Amino acid sequence: DFFREAVREKLAHTEKDFTPRTAFGKKLAALRARHVASGAKLLTAD
């Protein structure tokens, strides 16, 4: 039960839950948001 709940909890988190703490992280998050808002797709690592 513990493991099932831990996985459920982790999967429930979304990108909206992430708050960058550094100035650089905030800059990257703003660039990403602008990119997504423009309708462009996000690429996978590959």
ModelCIF file with pLDDT and N, C-alpha, C, O atoms, coordinates in Angstrom:
data_MODEL
#
_entry.id   MODEL 
#
_entity.id                         1 
_entity.type                       polymer 
_entity.pdbx_number_of_molecules   1 
#
_entity_poly.entity_id                      1 
_entity_poly.type                           'polypeptide(L)' 
_entity_poly.nstd_linkage                   no 
_entity_poly.nstd_monomer                   no 
_entity_poly.pdbx_seq_one_letter_code       DFFREAVREKLAHTEKDFTPRTAFGKKLAALRARHVASGAKLLTAD 
_entity_poly.pdbx_seq_one_letter_code_can   DFFREAVREKLAHTEKDFTPRTAFGKKLAALRARHVASGAKLLTAD 
_entity_poly.pdbx_strand_id                 A 
#
loop_
_entity_poly_seq.entity_id 
_entity_poly_seq.num 
_entity_poly_seq.mon_id 
_entity_poly_seq.hetero 
1 1  ASP n 
1 2  PHE n 
1 3  PHE n 
1 4  ARG n 
1 5  GLU n 
1 6  ALA n 
1 7  VAL n 
1 8  ARG n 
1 9  GLU n 
1 10 LYS n 
1 11 LEU n 
1 12 ALA n 
1 13 HIS n 
1 14 THR n 
1 15 GLU n 
1 16 LYS n 
1 17 ASP n 
1 18 PHE n 
1 19 THR n 
1 20 PRO n 
1 21 ARG n 
1 22 THR n 
1 23 ALA n 
1 24 PHE n 
1 25 GLY n 
1 26 LYS n 
1 27 LYS n 
1 28 LEU n 
1 29 ALA n 
1 30 ALA n 
1 31 LEU n 
1 32 ARG n 
1 33 ALA n 
1 34 ARG n 
1 35 HIS n 
1 36 VAL n 
1 37 ALA n 
1 38 SER n 
1 39 GLY n 
1 40 ALA n 
1 41 LYS n 
1 42 LEU n 
1 43 LEU n 
1 44 THR n 
1 45 ALA n 
1 46 ASP n 
#
_struct_asym.id          A 
_struct_asym.entity_id   1 
#
loop_
_ma_qa_metric.id 
_ma_qa_metric.mode 
_ma_qa_metric.name 
_ma_qa_metric.software_group_id 
_ma_qa_metric.type 
1 global pLDDT . pLDDT 
2 local  pLDDT . pLDDT 
#
_ma_qa_metric_global.metric_id      1 
_ma_qa_metric_global.metric_value   89.43 
_ma_qa_metric_global.model_id       1 
_ma_qa_metric_global.ordinal_id     1 
#
loop_
_ma_qa_metric_local.label_asym_id 
_ma_qa_metric_local.label_comp_id 
_ma_qa_metric_local.label_seq_id 
_ma_qa_metric_local.metric_id 
_ma_qa_metric_local.metric_value 
_ma_qa_metric_local.model_id 
_ma_qa_metric_local.ordinal_id 
A ASP 1  2 91.00 1 1  
A PHE 2  2 91.00 1 2  
A PHE 3  2 90.00 1 3  
A ARG 4  2 90.00 1 4  
A GLU 5  2 91.00 1 5  
A ALA 6  2 89.00 1 6  
A VAL 7  2 88.00 1 7  
A ARG 8  2 88.00 1 8  
A GLU 9  2 87.00 1 9  
A LYS 10 2 85.00 1 10 
A LEU 11 2 85.00 1 11 
A ALA 12 2 84.00 1 12 
A HIS 13 2 77.00 1 13 
A THR 14 2 70.00 1 14 
A GLU 15 2 68.00 1 15 
A LYS 16 2 72.00 1 16 
A ASP 17 2 75.00 1 17 
A PHE 18 2 79.00 1 18 
A THR 19 2 88.00 1 19 
A PRO 20 2 92.00 1 20 
A ARG 21 2 94.00 1 21 
A THR 22 2 97.00 1 22 
A ALA 23 2 97.00 1 23 
A PHE 24 2 97.00 1 24 
A GLY 25 2 95.00 1 25 
A LYS 26 2 95.00 1 26 
A LYS 27 2 97.00 1 27 
A LEU 28 2 94.00 1 28 
A ALA 29 2 91.00 1 29 
A ALA 30 2 93.00 1 30 
A LEU 31 2 94.00 1 31 
A ARG 32 2 91.00 1 32 
A ALA 33 2 90.00 1 33 
A ARG 34 2 94.00 1 34 
A HIS 35 2 94.00 1 35 
A VAL 36 2 91.00 1 36 
A ALA 37 2 94.00 1 37 
A SER 38 2 96.00 1 38 
A GLY 39 2 94.00 1 39 
A ALA 40 2 92.00 1 40 
A LYS 41 2 91.00 1 41 
A LEU 42 2 91.00 1 42 
A LEU 43 2 92.00 1 43 
A THR 44 2 93.00 1 44 
A ALA 45 2 93.00 1 45 
A ASP 46 2 94.00 1 46 
#
loop_
_atom_site.group_PDB 
_atom_site.id 
_atom_site.type_symbol 
_atom_site.label_atom_id 
_atom_site.label_alt_id 
_atom_site.label_comp_id 
_atom_site.label_asym_id 
_atom_site.label_entity_id 
_atom_site.label_seq_id 
_atom_site.pdbx_PDB_ins_code 
_atom_site.Cartn_x 
_atom_site.Cartn_y 
_atom_site.Cartn_z 
_atom_site.occupancy 
_atom_site.B_iso_or_equiv 
_atom_site.pdbx_formal_charge 
_atom_site.auth_seq_id 
_atom_site.auth_comp_id 
_atom_site.auth_asym_id 
_atom_site.auth_atom_id 
_atom_site.pdbx_PDB_model_num 
ATOM 1   N N  . ASP A 1 1  ? 0.831  -1.201 0.000   1.00 91.00 ? 1  ASP A N  1 
ATOM 2   C CA . ASP A 1 1  ? 0.000  0.000  0.000   1.00 91.00 ? 1  ASP A CA 1 
ATOM 3   C C  . ASP A 1 1  ? 0.871  1.259  0.000   1.00 91.00 ? 1  ASP A C  1 
ATOM 4   O O  . ASP A 1 1  ? 0.573  2.237  -0.685  1.00 91.00 ? 1  ASP A O  1 
ATOM 5   N N  . PHE A 1 2  ? 1.941  1.213  0.774   1.00 91.00 ? 2  PHE A N  1 
ATOM 6   C CA . PHE A 1 2  ? 2.848  2.347  0.857   1.00 91.00 ? 2  PHE A CA 1 
ATOM 7   C C  . PHE A 1 2  ? 3.431  2.671  -0.517  1.00 91.00 ? 2  PHE A C  1 
ATOM 8   O O  . PHE A 1 2  ? 3.437  3.828  -0.937  1.00 91.00 ? 2  PHE A O  1 
ATOM 9   N N  . PHE A 1 3  ? 3.921  1.643  -1.215  1.00 90.00 ? 3  PHE A N  1 
ATOM 10  C CA . PHE A 1 3  ? 4.524  1.862  -2.529  1.00 90.00 ? 3  PHE A CA 1 
ATOM 11  C C  . PHE A 1 3  ? 3.496  2.323  -3.553  1.00 90.00 ? 3  PHE A C  1 
ATOM 12  O O  . PHE A 1 3  ? 3.774  3.215  -4.355  1.00 90.00 ? 3  PHE A O  1 
ATOM 13  N N  . ARG A 1 4  ? 2.305  1.718  -3.531  1.00 90.00 ? 4  ARG A N  1 
ATOM 14  C CA . ARG A 1 4  ? 1.258  2.145  -4.464  1.00 90.00 ? 4  ARG A CA 1 
ATOM 15  C C  . ARG A 1 4  ? 0.903  3.614  -4.244  1.00 90.00 ? 4  ARG A C  1 
ATOM 16  O O  . ARG A 1 4  ? 0.767  4.374  -5.203  1.00 90.00 ? 4  ARG A O  1 
ATOM 17  N N  . GLU A 1 5  ? 0.754  4.006  -2.994  1.00 91.00 ? 5  GLU A N  1 
ATOM 18  C CA . GLU A 1 5  ? 0.403  5.385  -2.673  1.00 91.00 ? 5  GLU A CA 1 
ATOM 19  C C  . GLU A 1 5  ? 1.534  6.343  -3.066  1.00 91.00 ? 5  GLU A C  1 
ATOM 20  O O  . GLU A 1 5  ? 1.273  7.437  -3.565  1.00 91.00 ? 5  GLU A O  1 
ATOM 21  N N  . ALA A 1 6  ? 2.785  5.935  -2.842  1.00 89.00 ? 6  ALA A N  1 
ATOM 22  C CA . ALA A 1 6  ? 3.922  6.783  -3.210  1.00 89.00 ? 6  ALA A CA 1 
ATOM 23  C C  . ALA A 1 6  ? 3.955  7.017  -4.715  1.00 89.00 ? 6  ALA A C  1 
ATOM 24  O O  . ALA A 1 6  ? 4.218  8.133  -5.165  1.00 89.00 ? 6  ALA A O  1 
ATOM 25  N N  . VAL A 1 7  ? 3.691  5.980  -5.489  1.00 88.00 ? 7  VAL A N  1 
ATOM 26  C CA . VAL A 1 7  ? 3.674  6.123  -6.946  1.00 88.00 ? 7  VAL A CA 1 
ATOM 27  C C  . VAL A 1 7  ? 2.514  7.012  -7.369  1.00 88.00 ? 7  VAL A C  1 
ATOM 28  O O  . VAL A 1 7  ? 2.685  7.896  -8.208  1.00 88.00 ? 7  VAL A O  1 
ATOM 29  N N  . ARG A 1 8  ? 1.331  6.788  -6.793  1.00 88.00 ? 8  ARG A N  1 
ATOM 30  C CA . ARG A 1 8  ? 0.166  7.633  -7.120  1.00 88.00 ? 8  ARG A CA 1 
ATOM 31  C C  . ARG A 1 8  ? 0.451  9.104  -6.827  1.00 88.00 ? 8  ARG A C  1 
ATOM 32  O O  . ARG A 1 8  ? 0.114  9.986  -7.616  1.00 88.00 ? 8  ARG A O  1 
ATOM 33  N N  . GLU A 1 9  ? 1.077  9.348  -5.681  1.00 87.00 ? 9  GLU A N  1 
ATOM 34  C CA . GLU A 1 9  ? 1.411  10.711 -5.278  1.00 87.00 ? 9  GLU A CA 1 
ATOM 35  C C  . GLU A 1 9  ? 2.385  11.359 -6.267  1.00 87.00 ? 9  GLU A C  1 
ATOM 36  O O  . GLU A 1 9  ? 2.210  12.510 -6.667  1.00 87.00 ? 9  GLU A O  1 
ATOM 37  N N  . LYS A 1 10 ? 3.397  10.609 -6.646  1.00 85.00 ? 10 LYS A N  1 
ATOM 38  C CA . LYS A 1 10 ? 4.403  11.129 -7.572  1.00 85.00 ? 10 LYS A CA 1 
ATOM 39  C C  . LYS A 1 10 ? 3.783  11.433 -8.929  1.00 85.00 ? 10 LYS A C  1 
ATOM 40  O O  . LYS A 1 10 ? 4.091  12.459 -9.536  1.00 85.00 ? 10 LYS A O  1 
ATOM 41  N N  . LEU A 1 11 ? 2.917  10.555 -9.407  1.00 85.00 ? 11 LEU A N  1 
ATOM 42  C CA . LEU A 1 11 ? 2.284  10.755 -10.705 1.00 85.00 ? 11 LEU A CA 1 
ATOM 43  C C  . LEU A 1 11 ? 1.273  11.898 -10.687 1.00 85.00 ? 11 LEU A C  1 
ATOM 44  O O  . LEU A 1 11 ? 0.962  12.465 -11.734 1.00 85.00 ? 11 LEU A O  1 
ATOM 45  N N  . ALA A 1 12 ? 0.762  12.235 -9.520  1.00 84.00 ? 12 ALA A N  1 
ATOM 46  C CA . ALA A 1 12 ? -0.217 13.311 -9.399  1.00 84.00 ? 12 ALA A CA 1 
ATOM 47  C C  . ALA A 1 12 ? 0.426  14.684 -9.566  1.00 84.00 ? 12 ALA A C  1 
ATOM 48  O O  . ALA A 1 12 ? -0.247 15.652 -9.921  1.00 84.00 ? 12 ALA A O  1 
ATOM 49  N N  . HIS A 1 13 ? 1.729  14.766 -9.308  1.00 77.00 ? 13 HIS A N  1 
ATOM 50  C CA . HIS A 1 13 ? 2.423  16.046 -9.467  1.00 77.00 ? 13 HIS A CA 1 
ATOM 51  C C  . HIS A 1 13 ? 2.483  16.408 -10.940 1.00 77.00 ? 13 HIS A C  1 
ATOM 52  O O  . HIS A 1 13 ? 2.698  15.550 -11.796 1.00 77.00 ? 13 HIS A O  1 
ATOM 53  N N  . THR A 1 14 ? 2.294  17.668 -11.218 1.00 70.00 ? 14 THR A N  1 
ATOM 54  C CA . THR A 1 14 ? 2.359  18.139 -12.599 1.00 70.00 ? 14 THR A CA 1 
ATOM 55  C C  . THR A 1 14 ? 3.472  19.163 -12.730 1.00 70.00 ? 14 THR A C  1 
ATOM 56  O O  . THR A 1 14 ? 4.101  19.554 -11.746 1.00 70.00 ? 14 THR A O  1 
ATOM 57  N N  . GLU A 1 15 ? 3.701  19.586 -13.959 1.00 68.00 ? 15 GLU A N  1 
ATOM 58  C CA . GLU A 1 15 ? 4.712  20.613 -14.188 1.00 68.00 ? 15 GLU A CA 1 
ATOM 59  C C  . GLU A 1 15 ? 4.342  21.897 -13.458 1.00 68.00 ? 15 GLU A C  1 
ATOM 60  O O  . GLU A 1 15 ? 5.218  22.686 -13.107 1.00 68.00 ? 15 GLU A O  1 
ATOM 61  N N  . LYS A 1 16 ? 3.063  22.107 -13.231 1.00 72.00 ? 16 LYS A N  1 
ATOM 62  C CA . LYS A 1 16 ? 2.613  23.317 -12.549 1.00 72.00 ? 16 LYS A CA 1 
ATOM 63  C C  . LYS A 1 16 ? 3.088  23.343 -11.093 1.00 72.00 ? 16 LYS A C  1 
ATOM 64  O O  . LYS A 1 16 ? 3.169  24.408 -10.481 1.00 72.00 ? 16 LYS A O  1 
ATOM 65  N N  . ASP A 1 17 ? 3.401  22.164 -10.541 1.00 75.00 ? 17 ASP A N  1 
ATOM 66  C CA . ASP A 1 17 ? 3.866  22.080 -9.161  1.00 75.00 ? 17 ASP A CA 1 
ATOM 67  C C  . ASP A 1 17 ? 5.308  22.560 -9.016  1.00 75.00 ? 17 ASP A C  1 
ATOM 68  O O  . ASP A 1 17 ? 5.756  22.867 -7.911  1.00 75.00 ? 17 ASP A O  1 
ATOM 69  N N  . PHE A 1 18 ? 6.032  22.624 -10.134 1.00 79.00 ? 18 PHE A N  1 
ATOM 70  C CA . PHE A 1 18 ? 7.445  22.988 -10.090 1.00 79.00 ? 18 PHE A CA 1 
ATOM 71  C C  . PHE A 1 18 ? 7.609  24.495 -9.994  1.00 79.00 ? 18 PHE A C  1 
ATOM 72  O O  . PHE A 1 18 ? 7.015  25.234 -10.778 1.00 79.00 ? 18 PHE A O  1 
ATOM 73  N N  . THR A 1 19 ? 8.402  24.953 -9.051  1.00 88.00 ? 19 THR A N  1 
ATOM 74  C CA . THR A 1 19 ? 8.712  26.368 -8.910  1.00 88.00 ? 19 THR A CA 1 
ATOM 75  C C  . THR A 1 19 ? 10.229 26.524 -8.908  1.00 88.00 ? 19 THR A C  1 
ATOM 76  O O  . THR A 1 19 ? 10.894 26.110 -7.958  1.00 88.00 ? 19 THR A O  1 
ATOM 77  N N  . PRO A 1 20 ? 10.782 27.120 -9.971  1.00 92.00 ? 20 PRO A N  1 
ATOM 78  C CA . PRO A 1 20 ? 12.240 27.301 -9.993  1.00 92.00 ? 20 PRO A CA 1 
ATOM 79  C C  . PRO A 1 20 ? 12.682 28.252 -8.881  1.00 92.00 ? 20 PRO A C  1 
ATOM 80  O O  . PRO A 1 20 ? 11.977 29.202 -8.542  1.00 92.00 ? 20 PRO A O  1 
ATOM 81  N N  . ARG A 1 21 ? 13.853 27.980 -8.324  1.00 94.00 ? 21 ARG A N  1 
ATOM 82  C CA . ARG A 1 21 ? 14.340 28.783 -7.208  1.00 94.00 ? 21 ARG A CA 1 
ATOM 83  C C  . ARG A 1 21 ? 15.434 29.761 -7.600  1.00 94.00 ? 21 ARG A C  1 
ATOM 84  O O  . ARG A 1 21 ? 15.595 30.802 -6.962  1.00 94.00 ? 21 ARG A O  1 
ATOM 85  N N  . THR A 1 22 ? 16.188 29.437 -8.646  1.00 97.00 ? 22 THR A N  1 
ATOM 86  C CA . THR A 1 22 ? 17.290 30.317 -9.028  1.00 97.00 ? 22 THR A CA 1 
ATOM 87  C C  . THR A 1 22 ? 16.848 31.249 -10.153 1.00 97.00 ? 22 THR A C  1 
ATOM 88  O O  . THR A 1 22 ? 15.850 30.996 -10.827 1.00 97.00 ? 22 THR A O  1 
ATOM 89  N N  . ALA A 1 23 ? 17.601 32.323 -10.344 1.00 97.00 ? 23 ALA A N  1 
ATOM 90  C CA . ALA A 1 23 ? 17.299 33.270 -11.419 1.00 97.00 ? 23 ALA A CA 1 
ATOM 91  C C  . ALA A 1 23 ? 17.385 32.569 -12.770 1.00 97.00 ? 23 ALA A C  1 
ATOM 92  O O  . ALA A 1 23 ? 16.559 32.804 -13.652 1.00 97.00 ? 23 ALA A O  1 
ATOM 93  N N  . PHE A 1 24 ? 18.389 31.708 -12.929 1.00 97.00 ? 24 PHE A N  1 
ATOM 94  C CA . PHE A 1 24 ? 18.549 30.991 -14.194 1.00 97.00 ? 24 PHE A CA 1 
ATOM 95  C C  . PHE A 1 24 ? 17.377 30.033 -14.424 1.00 97.00 ? 24 PHE A C  1 
ATOM 96  O O  . PHE A 1 24 ? 16.861 29.934 -15.537 1.00 97.00 ? 24 PHE A O  1 
ATOM 97  N N  . GLY A 1 25 ? 16.964 29.335 -13.380 1.00 95.00 ? 25 GLY A N  1 
ATOM 98  C CA . GLY A 1 25 ? 15.821 28.432 -13.488 1.00 95.00 ? 25 GLY A CA 1 
ATOM 99  C C  . GLY A 1 25 ? 14.547 29.182 -13.849 1.00 95.00 ? 25 GLY A C  1 
ATOM 100 O O  . GLY A 1 25 ? 13.740 28.704 -14.647 1.00 95.00 ? 25 GLY A O  1 
ATOM 101 N N  . LYS A 1 26 ? 14.370 30.357 -13.258 1.00 95.00 ? 26 LYS A N  1 
ATOM 102 C CA . LYS A 1 26 ? 13.193 31.184 -13.563 1.00 95.00 ? 26 LYS A CA 1 
ATOM 103 C C  . LYS A 1 26 ? 13.226 31.644 -15.019 1.00 95.00 ? 26 LYS A C  1 
ATOM 104 O O  . LYS A 1 26 ? 12.193 31.686 -15.687 1.00 95.00 ? 26 LYS A O  1 
ATOM 105 N N  . LYS A 1 27 ? 14.413 31.986 -15.502 1.00 97.00 ? 27 LYS A N  1 
ATOM 106 C CA . LYS A 1 27 ? 14.564 32.408 -16.891 1.00 97.00 ? 27 LYS A CA 1 
ATOM 107 C C  . LYS A 1 27 ? 14.213 31.252 -17.838 1.00 97.00 ? 27 LYS A C  1 
ATOM 108 O O  . LYS A 1 27 ? 13.491 31.439 -18.817 1.00 97.00 ? 27 LYS A O  1 
ATOM 109 N N  . LEU A 1 28 ? 14.729 30.067 -17.536 1.00 94.00 ? 28 LEU A N  1 
ATOM 110 C CA . LEU A 1 28 ? 14.430 28.900 -18.370 1.00 94.00 ? 28 LEU A CA 1 
ATOM 111 C C  . LEU A 1 28 ? 12.942 28.558 -18.338 1.00 94.00 ? 28 LEU A C  1 
ATOM 112 O O  . LEU A 1 28 ? 12.366 28.215 -19.370 1.00 94.00 ? 28 LEU A O  1 
ATOM 113 N N  . ALA A 1 29 ? 12.318 28.647 -17.173 1.00 91.00 ? 29 ALA A N  1 
ATOM 114 C CA . ALA A 1 29 ? 10.890 28.358 -17.054 1.00 91.00 ? 29 ALA A CA 1 
ATOM 115 C C  . ALA A 1 29 ? 10.072 29.360 -17.865 1.00 91.00 ? 29 ALA A C  1 
ATOM 116 O O  . ALA A 1 29 ? 9.080  28.988 -18.492 1.00 91.00 ? 29 ALA A O  1 
ATOM 117 N N  . ALA A 1 30 ? 10.483 30.627 -17.857 1.00 93.00 ? 30 ALA A N  1 
ATOM 118 C CA . ALA A 1 30 ? 9.773  31.650 -18.632 1.00 93.00 ? 30 ALA A CA 1 
ATOM 119 C C  . ALA A 1 30 ? 9.923  31.389 -20.130 1.00 93.00 ? 30 ALA A C  1 
ATOM 120 O O  . ALA A 1 30 ? 8.961  31.525 -20.886 1.00 93.00 ? 30 ALA A O  1 
ATOM 121 N N  . LEU A 1 31 ? 11.121 31.018 -20.552 1.00 94.00 ? 31 LEU A N  1 
ATOM 122 C CA . LEU A 1 31 ? 11.338 30.692 -21.968 1.00 94.00 ? 31 LEU A CA 1 
ATOM 123 C C  . LEU A 1 31 ? 10.491 29.493 -22.392 1.00 94.00 ? 31 LEU A C  1 
ATOM 124 O O  . LEU A 1 31 ? 9.908  29.484 -23.476 1.00 94.00 ? 31 LEU A O  1 
ATOM 125 N N  . ARG A 1 32 ? 10.431 28.492 -21.530 1.00 91.00 ? 32 ARG A N  1 
ATOM 126 C CA . ARG A 1 32 ? 9.628  27.305 -21.834 1.00 91.00 ? 32 ARG A CA 1 
ATOM 127 C C  . ARG A 1 32 ? 8.152  27.675 -21.944 1.00 91.00 ? 32 ARG A C  1 
ATOM 128 O O  . ARG A 1 32 ? 7.464  27.240 -22.868 1.00 91.00 ? 32 ARG A O  1 
ATOM 129 N N  . ALA A 1 33 ? 7.672  28.476 -21.001 1.00 90.00 ? 33 ALA A N  1 
ATOM 130 C CA . ALA A 1 33 ? 6.268  28.883 -21.017 1.00 90.00 ? 33 ALA A CA 1 
ATOM 131 C C  . ALA A 1 33 ? 5.950  29.674 -22.282 1.00 90.00 ? 33 ALA A C  1 
ATOM 132 O O  . ALA A 1 33 ? 4.894  29.487 -22.886 1.00 90.00 ? 33 ALA A O  1 
ATOM 133 N N  . ARG A 1 34 ? 6.861  30.556 -22.682 1.00 94.00 ? 34 ARG A N  1 
ATOM 134 C CA . ARG A 1 34 ? 6.663  31.338 -23.899 1.00 94.00 ? 34 ARG A CA 1 
ATOM 135 C C  . ARG A 1 34 ? 6.628  30.427 -25.131 1.00 94.00 ? 34 ARG A C  1 
ATOM 136 O O  . ARG A 1 34 ? 5.823  30.631 -26.040 1.00 94.00 ? 34 ARG A O  1 
ATOM 137 N N  . HIS A 1 35 ? 7.498  29.434 -25.148 1.00 94.00 ? 35 HIS A N  1 
ATOM 138 C CA . HIS A 1 35 ? 7.558  28.468 -26.253 1.00 94.00 ? 35 HIS A CA 1 
ATOM 139 C C  . HIS A 1 35 ? 6.244  27.687 -26.344 1.00 94.00 ? 35 HIS A C  1 
ATOM 140 O O  . HIS A 1 35 ? 5.681  27.540 -27.430 1.00 94.00 ? 35 HIS A O  1 
ATOM 141 N N  . VAL A 1 36 ? 5.762  27.191 -25.215 1.00 91.00 ? 36 VAL A N  1 
ATOM 142 C CA . VAL A 1 36 ? 4.510  26.431 -25.183 1.00 91.00 ? 36 VAL A CA 1 
ATOM 143 C C  . VAL A 1 36 ? 3.329  27.326 -25.582 1.00 91.00 ? 36 VAL A C  1 
ATOM 144 O O  . VAL A 1 36 ? 2.444  26.892 -26.319 1.00 91.00 ? 36 VAL A O  1 
ATOM 145 N N  . ALA A 1 37 ? 3.316  28.570 -25.096 1.00 94.00 ? 37 ALA A N  1 
ATOM 146 C CA . ALA A 1 37 ? 2.228  29.496 -25.410 1.00 94.00 ? 37 ALA A CA 1 
ATOM 147 C C  . ALA A 1 37 ? 2.176  29.832 -26.898 1.00 94.00 ? 37 ALA A C  1 
ATOM 148 O O  . ALA A 1 37 ? 1.112  30.155 -27.427 1.00 94.00 ? 37 ALA A O  1 
ATOM 149 N N  . SER A 1 38 ? 3.321  29.755 -27.572 1.00 96.00 ? 38 SER A N  1 
ATOM 150 C CA . SER A 1 38 ? 3.354  30.062 -29.004 1.00 96.00 ? 38 SER A CA 1 
ATOM 151 C C  . SER A 1 38 ? 2.773  28.919 -29.840 1.00 96.00 ? 38 SER A C  1 
ATOM 152 O O  . SER A 1 38 ? 2.581  29.054 -31.048 1.00 96.00 ? 38 SER A O  1 
ATOM 153 N N  . GLY A 1 39 ? 2.498  27.795 -29.176 1.00 94.00 ? 39 GLY A N  1 
ATOM 154 C CA . GLY A 1 39 ? 1.927  26.651 -29.887 1.00 94.00 ? 39 GLY A CA 1 
ATOM 155 C C  . GLY A 1 39 ? 2.971  25.656 -30.367 1.00 94.00 ? 39 GLY A C  1 
ATOM 156 O O  . GLY A 1 39 ? 2.631  24.628 -30.951 1.00 94.00 ? 39 GLY A O  1 
ATOM 157 N N  . ALA A 1 40 ? 4.231  25.956 -30.124 1.00 92.00 ? 40 ALA A N  1 
ATOM 158 C CA . ALA A 1 40 ? 5.293  25.047 -30.541 1.00 92.00 ? 40 ALA A CA 1 
ATOM 159 C C  . ALA A 1 40 ? 5.310  23.820 -29.635 1.00 92.00 ? 40 ALA A C  1 
ATOM 160 O O  . ALA A 1 40 ? 4.935  23.899 -28.465 1.00 92.00 ? 40 ALA A O  1 
ATOM 161 N N  . LYS A 1 41 ? 5.746  22.688 -30.180 1.00 91.00 ? 41 LYS A N  1 
ATOM 162 C CA . LYS A 1 41 ? 5.775  21.475 -29.369 1.00 91.00 ? 41 LYS A CA 1 
ATOM 163 C C  . LYS A 1 41 ? 7.094  21.347 -28.619 1.00 91.00 ? 41 LYS A C  1 
ATOM 164 O O  . LYS A 1 41 ? 8.127  21.853 -29.056 1.00 91.00 ? 41 LYS A O  1 
ATOM 165 N N  . LEU A 1 42 ? 7.039  20.672 -27.503 1.00 91.00 ? 42 LEU A N  1 
ATOM 166 C CA . LEU A 1 42 ? 8.243  20.385 -26.730 1.00 91.00 ? 42 LEU A CA 1 
ATOM 167 C C  . LEU A 1 42 ? 8.867  19.113 -27.276 1.00 91.00 ? 42 LEU A C  1 
ATOM 168 O O  . LEU A 1 42 ? 8.161  18.165 -27.621 1.00 91.00 ? 42 LEU A O  1 
ATOM 169 N N  . LEU A 1 43 ? 10.175 19.095 -27.353 1.00 92.00 ? 43 LEU A N  1 
ATOM 170 C CA . LEU A 1 43 ? 10.886 17.937 -27.877 1.00 92.00 ? 43 LEU A CA 1 
ATOM 171 C C  . LEU A 1 43 ? 11.292 16.990 -26.758 1.00 92.00 ? 43 LEU A C  1 
ATOM 172 O O  . LEU A 1 43 ? 11.535 17.411 -25.627 1.00 92.00 ? 43 LEU A O  1 
ATOM 173 N N  . THR A 1 44 ? 11.363 15.712 -27.087 1.00 93.00 ? 44 THR A N  1 
ATOM 174 C CA . THR A 1 44 ? 11.903 14.732 -26.142 1.00 93.00 ? 44 THR A CA 1 
ATOM 175 C C  . THR A 1 44 ? 13.422 14.845 -26.177 1.00 93.00 ? 44 THR A C  1 
ATOM 176 O O  . THR A 1 44 ? 13.972 15.523 -27.045 1.00 93.00 ? 44 THR A O  1 
ATOM 177 N N  . ALA A 1 45 ? 14.096 14.194 -25.253 1.00 93.00 ? 45 ALA A N  1 
ATOM 178 C CA . ALA A 1 45 ? 15.560 14.228 -25.226 1.00 93.00 ? 45 ALA A CA 1 
ATOM 179 C C  . ALA A 1 45 ? 16.129 13.666 -26.531 1.00 93.00 ? 45 ALA A C  1 
ATOM 180 O O  . ALA A 1 45 ? 17.100 14.203 -27.065 1.00 93.00 ? 45 ALA A O  1 
ATOM 181 N N  . ASP A 1 46 ? 15.532 12.592 -27.044 1.00 94.00 ? 46 ASP A N  1 
ATOM 182 C CA . ASP A 1 46 ? 16.006 12.001 -28.301 1.00 94.00 ? 46 ASP A CA 1 
ATOM 183 C C  . ASP A 1 46 ? 15.812 12.961 -29.474 1.00 94.00 ? 46 ASP A C  1 
ATOM 184 O O  . ASP A 1 46 ? 16.155 12.627 -30.608 1.00 94.00 ? 46 ASP A O  1 
#
